[in-house]
């Protein structure tokens, strides 16, 4: 668990279990209904980017007024 993070919500726990239980995430997302629809619309690369891991060292955080800033 991350420092400062509380227990996972039921939705977050379900998402985590799904992620950890999927052997080929990129293929699963690409062949899903939404992935196929996005590919049909010309967003094949966006679907691939959505499943990249460790692609960025930046983490968005909220500043004092609720805006996102690099963390």
PDB file of N, CA and C in Angstrom:
ATOM      1  N   UNK A   1       0.851  -1.178   0.000  1.00  0.00           N
ATOM      2  CA  UNK A   1       0.000   0.000   0.000  1.00  0.00           C
ATOM      3  C   UNK A   1       0.893   1.237   0.000  1.00  0.00           C
ATOM      4  N   UNK A   2       0.480   2.255  -0.737  1.00  0.00           N
ATOM      5  CA  UNK A   2       1.228   3.491  -0.805  1.00  0.00           C
ATOM      6  C   UNK A   2       1.102   4.261   0.492  1.00  0.00           C
ATOM      7  N   UNK A   3       2.145   5.011   0.795  1.00  0.00           N
ATOM      8  CA  UNK A   3       2.104   5.825   1.992  1.00  0.00           C
ATOM      9  C   UNK A   3       0.969   6.826   1.893  1.00  0.00           C
ATOM     10  N   UNK A   4       0.163   6.913   2.925  1.00  0.00           N
ATOM     11  CA  UNK A   4      -0.943   7.848   2.943  1.00  0.00           C
ATOM     12  C   UNK A   4      -2.213   7.321   2.302  1.00  0.00           C
ATOM     13  N   UNK A   5      -2.142   6.204   1.626  1.00  0.00           N
ATOM     14  CA  UNK A   5      -3.331   5.651   0.979  1.00  0.00           C
ATOM     15  C   UNK A   5      -4.073   4.768   1.978  1.00  0.00           C
ATOM     16  N   UNK A   6      -5.366   4.867   1.963  1.00  0.00           N
ATOM     17  CA  UNK A   6      -6.178   4.028   2.828  1.00  0.00           C
ATOM     18  C   UNK A   6      -6.480   2.710   2.147  1.00  0.00           C
ATOM     19  N   UNK A   7      -7.375   1.936   2.719  1.00  0.00           N
ATOM     20  CA  UNK A   7      -7.750   0.664   2.091  1.00  0.00           C
ATOM     21  C   UNK A   7      -8.432   0.923   0.744  1.00  0.00           C
ATOM     22  N   UNK A   8      -8.313  -0.029  -0.150  1.00  0.00           N
ATOM     23  CA  UNK A   8      -8.914   0.105  -1.470  1.00  0.00           C
ATOM     24  C   UNK A   8     -10.434   0.067  -1.383  1.00  0.00           C
ATOM     25  N   UNK A   9     -11.064   0.868  -2.232  1.00  0.00           N
ATOM     26  CA  UNK A   9     -12.520   0.792  -2.353  1.00  0.00           C
ATOM     27  C   UNK A   9     -12.857  -0.542  -3.024  1.00  0.00           C
ATOM     28  N   UNK A  10     -14.086  -1.004  -2.942  1.00  0.00           N
ATOM     29  CA  UNK A  10     -14.449  -2.240  -3.637  1.00  0.00           C
ATOM     30  C   UNK A  10     -14.177  -2.154  -5.141  1.00  0.00           C
ATOM     31  N   UNK A  11     -14.430  -0.979  -5.733  1.00  0.00           N
ATOM     32  CA  UNK A  11     -14.188  -0.808  -7.171  1.00  0.00           C
ATOM     33  C   UNK A  11     -12.704  -0.896  -7.497  1.00  0.00           C
ATOM     34  N   UNK A  12     -11.881  -0.260  -6.675  1.00  0.00           N
ATOM     35  CA  UNK A  12     -10.437  -0.310  -6.898  1.00  0.00           C
ATOM     36  C   UNK A  12      -9.905  -1.726  -6.696  1.00  0.00           C
ATOM     37  N   UNK A  13     -10.430  -2.434  -5.709  1.00  0.00           N
ATOM     38  CA  UNK A  13     -10.013  -3.816  -5.468  1.00  0.00           C
ATOM     39  C   UNK A  13     -10.380  -4.707  -6.653  1.00  0.00           C
ATOM     40  N   UNK A  14     -11.558  -4.498  -7.229  1.00  0.00           N
ATOM     41  CA  UNK A  14     -11.980  -5.283  -8.399  1.00  0.00           C
ATOM     42  C   UNK A  14     -11.091  -4.974  -9.597  1.00  0.00           C
ATOM     43  N   UNK A  15     -10.768  -3.695  -9.802  1.00  0.00           N
ATOM     44  CA  UNK A  15      -9.881  -3.315 -10.907  1.00  0.00           C
ATOM     45  C   UNK A  15      -8.497  -3.924 -10.720  1.00  0.00           C
ATOM     46  N   UNK A  16      -7.986  -3.896  -9.503  1.00  0.00           N
ATOM     47  CA  UNK A  16      -6.667  -4.467  -9.202  1.00  0.00           C
ATOM     48  C   UNK A  16      -6.660  -5.970  -9.474  1.00  0.00           C
ATOM     49  N   UNK A  17      -7.689  -6.663  -9.025  1.00  0.00           N
ATOM     50  CA  UNK A  17      -7.769  -8.111  -9.237  1.00  0.00           C
ATOM     51  C   UNK A  17      -7.863  -8.438 -10.725  1.00  0.00           C
ATOM     52  N   UNK A  18      -8.627  -7.647 -11.462  1.00  0.00           N
ATOM     53  CA  UNK A  18      -8.740  -7.869 -12.906  1.00  0.00           C
ATOM     54  C   UNK A  18      -7.395  -7.660 -13.591  1.00  0.00           C
ATOM     55  N   UNK A  19      -6.716  -6.581 -13.228  1.00  0.00           N
ATOM     56  CA  UNK A  19      -5.405  -6.290 -13.800  1.00  0.00           C
ATOM     57  C   UNK A  19      -4.417  -7.415 -13.503  1.00  0.00           C
ATOM     58  N   UNK A  20      -4.353  -7.812 -12.262  1.00  0.00           N
ATOM     59  CA  UNK A  20      -3.390  -8.842 -11.864  1.00  0.00           C
ATOM     60  C   UNK A  20      -3.742 -10.209 -12.437  1.00  0.00           C
ATOM     61  N   UNK A  21      -5.008 -10.438 -12.760  1.00  0.00           N
ATOM     62  CA  UNK A  21      -5.437 -11.736 -13.267  1.00  0.00           C
ATOM     63  C   UNK A  21      -5.463 -11.838 -14.778  1.00  0.00           C
ATOM     64  N   UNK A  22      -5.005 -10.793 -15.463  1.00  0.00           N
ATOM     65  CA  UNK A  22      -5.015 -10.790 -16.924  1.00  0.00           C
ATOM     66  C   UNK A  22      -3.610 -11.031 -17.442  1.00  0.00           C
ATOM     67  N   UNK A  23      -3.412 -12.154 -18.113  1.00  0.00           N
ATOM     68  CA  UNK A  23      -2.070 -12.534 -18.578  1.00  0.00           C
ATOM     69  C   UNK A  23      -1.550 -11.612 -19.675  1.00  0.00           C
ATOM     70  N   UNK A  24      -2.400 -11.226 -20.620  1.00  0.00           N
ATOM     71  CA  UNK A  24      -1.983 -10.381 -21.743  1.00  0.00           C
ATOM     72  C   UNK A  24      -2.913  -9.179 -21.793  1.00  0.00           C
ATOM     73  N   UNK A  25      -2.589  -8.178 -20.990  1.00  0.00           N
ATOM     74  CA  UNK A  25      -3.455  -7.015 -20.847  1.00  0.00           C
ATOM     75  C   UNK A  25      -3.658  -6.283 -22.170  1.00  0.00           C
ATOM     76  N   UNK A  26      -2.584  -6.064 -22.927  1.00  0.00           N
ATOM     77  CA  UNK A  26      -2.688  -5.331 -24.190  1.00  0.00           C
ATOM     78  C   UNK A  26      -3.655  -6.030 -25.145  1.00  0.00           C
ATOM     79  N   UNK A  27      -3.546  -7.327 -25.262  1.00  0.00           N
ATOM     80  CA  UNK A  27      -4.433  -8.085 -26.159  1.00  0.00           C
ATOM     81  C   UNK A  27      -5.876  -8.053 -25.644  1.00  0.00           C
ATOM     82  N   UNK A  28      -6.043  -8.193 -24.342  1.00  0.00           N
ATOM     83  CA  UNK A  28      -7.381  -8.188 -23.756  1.00  0.00           C
ATOM     84  C   UNK A  28      -8.081  -6.853 -24.001  1.00  0.00           C
ATOM     85  N   UNK A  29      -7.368  -5.762 -23.790  1.00  0.00           N
ATOM     86  CA  UNK A  29      -7.962  -4.445 -24.004  1.00  0.00           C
ATOM     87  C   UNK A  29      -8.222  -4.220 -25.496  1.00  0.00           C
ATOM     88  N   UNK A  30      -7.269  -4.589 -26.342  1.00  0.00           N
ATOM     89  CA  UNK A  30      -7.422  -4.382 -27.790  1.00  0.00           C
ATOM     90  C   UNK A  30      -8.593  -5.168 -28.362  1.00  0.00           C
ATOM     91  N   UNK A  31      -8.874  -6.329 -27.820  1.00  0.00           N
ATOM     92  CA  UNK A  31      -9.960  -7.161 -28.349  1.00  0.00           C
ATOM     93  C   UNK A  31     -11.286  -6.954 -27.628  1.00  0.00           C
ATOM     94  N   UNK A  32     -11.290  -6.071 -26.632  1.00  0.00           N
ATOM     95  CA  UNK A  32     -12.556  -5.761 -25.950  1.00  0.00           C
ATOM     96  C   UNK A  32     -13.446  -4.946 -26.882  1.00  0.00           C
ATOM     97  N   UNK A  33     -14.710  -4.838 -26.544  1.00  0.00           N
ATOM     98  CA  UNK A  33     -15.644  -4.068 -27.368  1.00  0.00           C
ATOM     99  C   UNK A  33     -15.169  -2.623 -27.518  1.00  0.00           C
ATOM    100  N   UNK A  34     -14.748  -2.019 -26.429  1.00  0.00           N
ATOM    101  CA  UNK A  34     -14.276  -0.633 -26.498  1.00  0.00           C
ATOM    102  C   UNK A  34     -12.989  -0.518 -27.292  1.00  0.00           C
ATOM    103  N   UNK A  35     -12.082  -1.468 -27.108  1.00  0.00           N
ATOM    104  CA  UNK A  35     -10.823  -1.454 -27.857  1.00  0.00           C
ATOM    105  C   UNK A  35     -11.054  -1.584 -29.346  1.00  0.00           C
ATOM    106  N   UNK A  36     -11.955  -2.481 -29.730  1.00  0.00           N
ATOM    107  CA  UNK A  36     -12.274  -2.653 -31.153  1.00  0.00           C
ATOM    108  C   UNK A  36     -12.955  -1.408 -31.715  1.00  0.00           C
ATOM    109  N   UNK A  37     -13.840  -0.806 -30.929  1.00  0.00           N
ATOM    110  CA  UNK A  37     -14.519   0.404 -31.382  1.00  0.00           C
ATOM    111  C   UNK A  37     -13.514   1.535 -31.592  1.00  0.00           C
ATOM    112  N   UNK A  38     -12.602   1.720 -30.652  1.00  0.00           N
ATOM    113  CA  UNK A  38     -11.589   2.759 -30.802  1.00  0.00           C
ATOM    114  C   UNK A  38     -10.698   2.497 -32.007  1.00  0.00           C
ATOM    115  N   UNK A  39     -10.330   1.242 -32.234  1.00  0.00           N
ATOM    116  CA  UNK A  39      -9.507   0.894 -33.401  1.00  0.00           C
ATOM    117  C   UNK A  39     -10.237   1.230 -34.693  1.00  0.00           C
ATOM    118  N   UNK A  40     -11.529   0.933 -34.746  1.00  0.00           N
ATOM    119  CA  UNK A  40     -12.342   1.250 -35.923  1.00  0.00           C
ATOM    120  C   UNK A  40     -12.370   2.756 -36.182  1.00  0.00           C
ATOM    121  N   UNK A  41     -12.297   3.539 -35.116  1.00  0.00           N
ATOM    122  CA  UNK A  41     -12.327   4.991 -35.226  1.00  0.00           C
ATOM    123  C   UNK A  41     -10.934   5.575 -35.510  1.00  0.00           C
ATOM    124  N   UNK A  42      -9.915   4.696 -35.623  1.00  0.00           N
ATOM    125  CA  UNK A  42      -8.568   5.166 -35.932  1.00  0.00           C
ATOM    126  C   UNK A  42      -7.673   5.390 -34.736  1.00  0.00           C
ATOM    127  N   UNK A  43      -8.040   4.850 -33.594  1.00  0.00           N
ATOM    128  CA  UNK A  43      -7.258   5.067 -32.374  1.00  0.00           C
ATOM    129  C   UNK A  43      -6.526   3.813 -31.905  1.00  0.00           C
ATOM    130  N   UNK A  44      -5.990   3.035 -32.836  1.00  0.00           N
ATOM    131  CA  UNK A  44      -5.274   1.800 -32.485  1.00  0.00           C
ATOM    132  C   UNK A  44      -4.104   2.100 -31.558  1.00  0.00           C
ATOM    133  N   UNK A  45      -3.314   3.125 -31.893  1.00  0.00           N
ATOM    134  CA  UNK A  45      -2.146   3.456 -31.067  1.00  0.00           C
ATOM    135  C   UNK A  45      -2.550   3.914 -29.669  1.00  0.00           C
ATOM    136  N   UNK A  46      -3.662   4.618 -29.559  1.00  0.00           N
ATOM    137  CA  UNK A  46      -4.130   5.069 -28.244  1.00  0.00           C
ATOM    138  C   UNK A  46      -4.473   3.880 -27.351  1.00  0.00           C
ATOM    139  N   UNK A  47      -5.061   2.854 -27.941  1.00  0.00           N
ATOM    140  CA  UNK A  47      -5.397   1.649 -27.176  1.00  0.00           C
ATOM    141  C   UNK A  47      -4.106   0.998 -26.665  1.00  0.00           C
ATOM    142  N   UNK A  48      -3.097   0.938 -27.508  1.00  0.00           N
ATOM    143  CA  UNK A  48      -1.807   0.360 -27.095  1.00  0.00           C
ATOM    144  C   UNK A  48      -1.159   1.206 -26.000  1.00  0.00           C
ATOM    145  N   UNK A  49      -1.192   2.521 -26.148  1.00  0.00           N
ATOM    146  CA  UNK A  49      -0.606   3.414 -25.148  1.00  0.00           C
ATOM    147  C   UNK A  49      -1.302   3.250 -23.801  1.00  0.00           C
ATOM    148  N   UNK A  50      -2.600   3.024 -23.825  1.00  0.00           N
ATOM    149  CA  UNK A  50      -3.370   2.897 -22.588  1.00  0.00           C
ATOM    150  C   UNK A  50      -2.927   1.713 -21.737  1.00  0.00           C
ATOM    151  N   UNK A  51      -2.280   0.730 -22.331  1.00  0.00           N
ATOM    152  CA  UNK A  51      -1.867  -0.451 -21.581  1.00  0.00           C
ATOM    153  C   UNK A  51      -0.367  -0.483 -21.289  1.00  0.00           C
ATOM    154  N   UNK A  52       0.357   0.588 -21.633  1.00  0.00           N
ATOM    155  CA  UNK A  52       1.790   0.632 -21.337  1.00  0.00           C
ATOM    156  C   UNK A  52       2.012   0.706 -19.833  1.00  0.00           C
ATOM    157  N   UNK A  53       3.061   0.034 -19.382  1.00  0.00           N
ATOM    158  CA  UNK A  53       3.428   0.077 -17.969  1.00  0.00           C
ATOM    159  C   UNK A  53       4.755   0.795 -17.808  1.00  0.00           C
ATOM    160  N   UNK A  54       4.889   1.541 -16.732  1.00  0.00           N
ATOM    161  CA  UNK A  54       6.123   2.260 -16.413  1.00  0.00           C
ATOM    162  C   UNK A  54       6.576   3.145 -17.566  1.00  0.00           C
ATOM    163  N   UNK A  55       5.632   3.779 -18.252  1.00  0.00           N
ATOM    164  CA  UNK A  55       5.949   4.614 -19.411  1.00  0.00           C
ATOM    165  C   UNK A  55       6.325   6.035 -19.008  1.00  0.00           C
ATOM    166  N   UNK A  56       6.029   6.422 -17.790  1.00  0.00           N
ATOM    167  CA  UNK A  56       6.316   7.780 -17.347  1.00  0.00           C
ATOM    168  C   UNK A  56       6.783   7.765 -15.898  1.00  0.00           C
ATOM    169  N   UNK A  57       7.725   8.634 -15.608  1.00  0.00           N
ATOM    170  CA  UNK A  57       8.211   8.753 -14.230  1.00  0.00           C
ATOM    171  C   UNK A  57       7.400   9.785 -13.450  1.00  0.00           C
ATOM    172  N   UNK A  58       6.499  10.501 -14.131  1.00  0.00           N
ATOM    173  CA  UNK A  58       5.684  11.517 -13.472  1.00  0.00           C
ATOM    174  C   UNK A  58       4.374  10.924 -12.962  1.00  0.00           C
ATOM    175  N   UNK A  59       3.958  11.420 -11.829  1.00  0.00           N
ATOM    176  CA  UNK A  59       2.683  11.016 -11.253  1.00  0.00           C
ATOM    177  C   UNK A  59       1.888  12.286 -10.999  1.00  0.00           C
ATOM    178  N   UNK A  60       0.688  12.398 -11.566  1.00  0.00           N
ATOM    179  CA  UNK A  60      -0.089  13.610 -11.310  1.00  0.00           C
ATOM    180  C   UNK A  60      -0.581  13.636  -9.869  1.00  0.00           C
ATOM    181  N   UNK A  61      -0.455  14.785  -9.254  1.00  0.00           N
ATOM    182  CA  UNK A  61      -0.966  14.993  -7.894  1.00  0.00           C
ATOM    183  C   UNK A  61      -1.773  16.286  -7.903  1.00  0.00           C
ATOM    184  N   UNK A  62      -2.601  16.449  -6.912  1.00  0.00           N
ATOM    185  CA  UNK A  62      -3.403  17.679  -6.807  1.00  0.00           C
ATOM    186  C   UNK A  62      -2.701  18.662  -5.884  1.00  0.00           C
ATOM    187  N   UNK A  63      -2.685  19.923  -6.296  1.00  0.00           N
ATOM    188  CA  UNK A  63      -2.112  20.947  -5.430  1.00  0.00           C
ATOM    189  C   UNK A  63      -3.207  21.463  -4.494  1.00  0.00           C
ATOM    190  N   UNK A  64      -2.930  22.532  -3.786  1.00  0.00           N
ATOM    191  CA  UNK A  64      -3.859  23.042  -2.780  1.00  0.00           C
ATOM    192  C   UNK A  64      -5.215  23.450  -3.305  1.00  0.00           C
ATOM    193  N   UNK A  65      -5.296  23.860  -4.587  1.00  0.00           N
ATOM    194  CA  UNK A  65      -6.601  24.275  -5.114  1.00  0.00           C
ATOM    195  C   UNK A  65      -7.284  23.177  -5.927  1.00  0.00           C
ATOM    196  N   UNK A  66      -6.733  21.971  -5.900  1.00  0.00           N
ATOM    197  CA  UNK A  66      -7.356  20.839  -6.584  1.00  0.00           C
ATOM    198  C   UNK A  66      -6.903  20.622  -8.018  1.00  0.00           C
ATOM    199  N   UNK A  67      -6.012  21.478  -8.510  1.00  0.00           N
ATOM    200  CA  UNK A  67      -5.483  21.312  -9.870  1.00  0.00           C
ATOM    201  C   UNK A  67      -4.427  20.213  -9.875  1.00  0.00           C
ATOM    202  N   UNK A  68      -4.301  19.543 -11.032  1.00  0.00           N
ATOM    203  CA  UNK A  68      -3.260  18.524 -11.172  1.00  0.00           C
ATOM    204  C   UNK A  68      -1.933  19.186 -11.498  1.00  0.00           C
ATOM    205  N   UNK A  69      -0.873  18.723 -10.843  1.00  0.00           N
ATOM    206  CA  UNK A  69       0.491  19.198 -11.078  1.00  0.00           C
ATOM    207  C   UNK A  69       1.396  17.978 -11.126  1.00  0.00           C
ATOM    208  N   UNK A  70       2.559  18.039 -11.804  1.00  0.00           N
ATOM    209  CA  UNK A  70       3.478  16.899 -11.801  1.00  0.00           C
ATOM    210  C   UNK A  70       3.935  16.601 -10.375  1.00  0.00           C
ATOM    211  N   UNK A  71       4.004  15.315 -10.043  1.00  0.00           N
ATOM    212  CA  UNK A  71       4.416  14.920  -8.691  1.00  0.00           C
ATOM    213  C   UNK A  71       5.800  14.355  -8.658  1.00  0.00           C
TER     214      UNK A  71
END
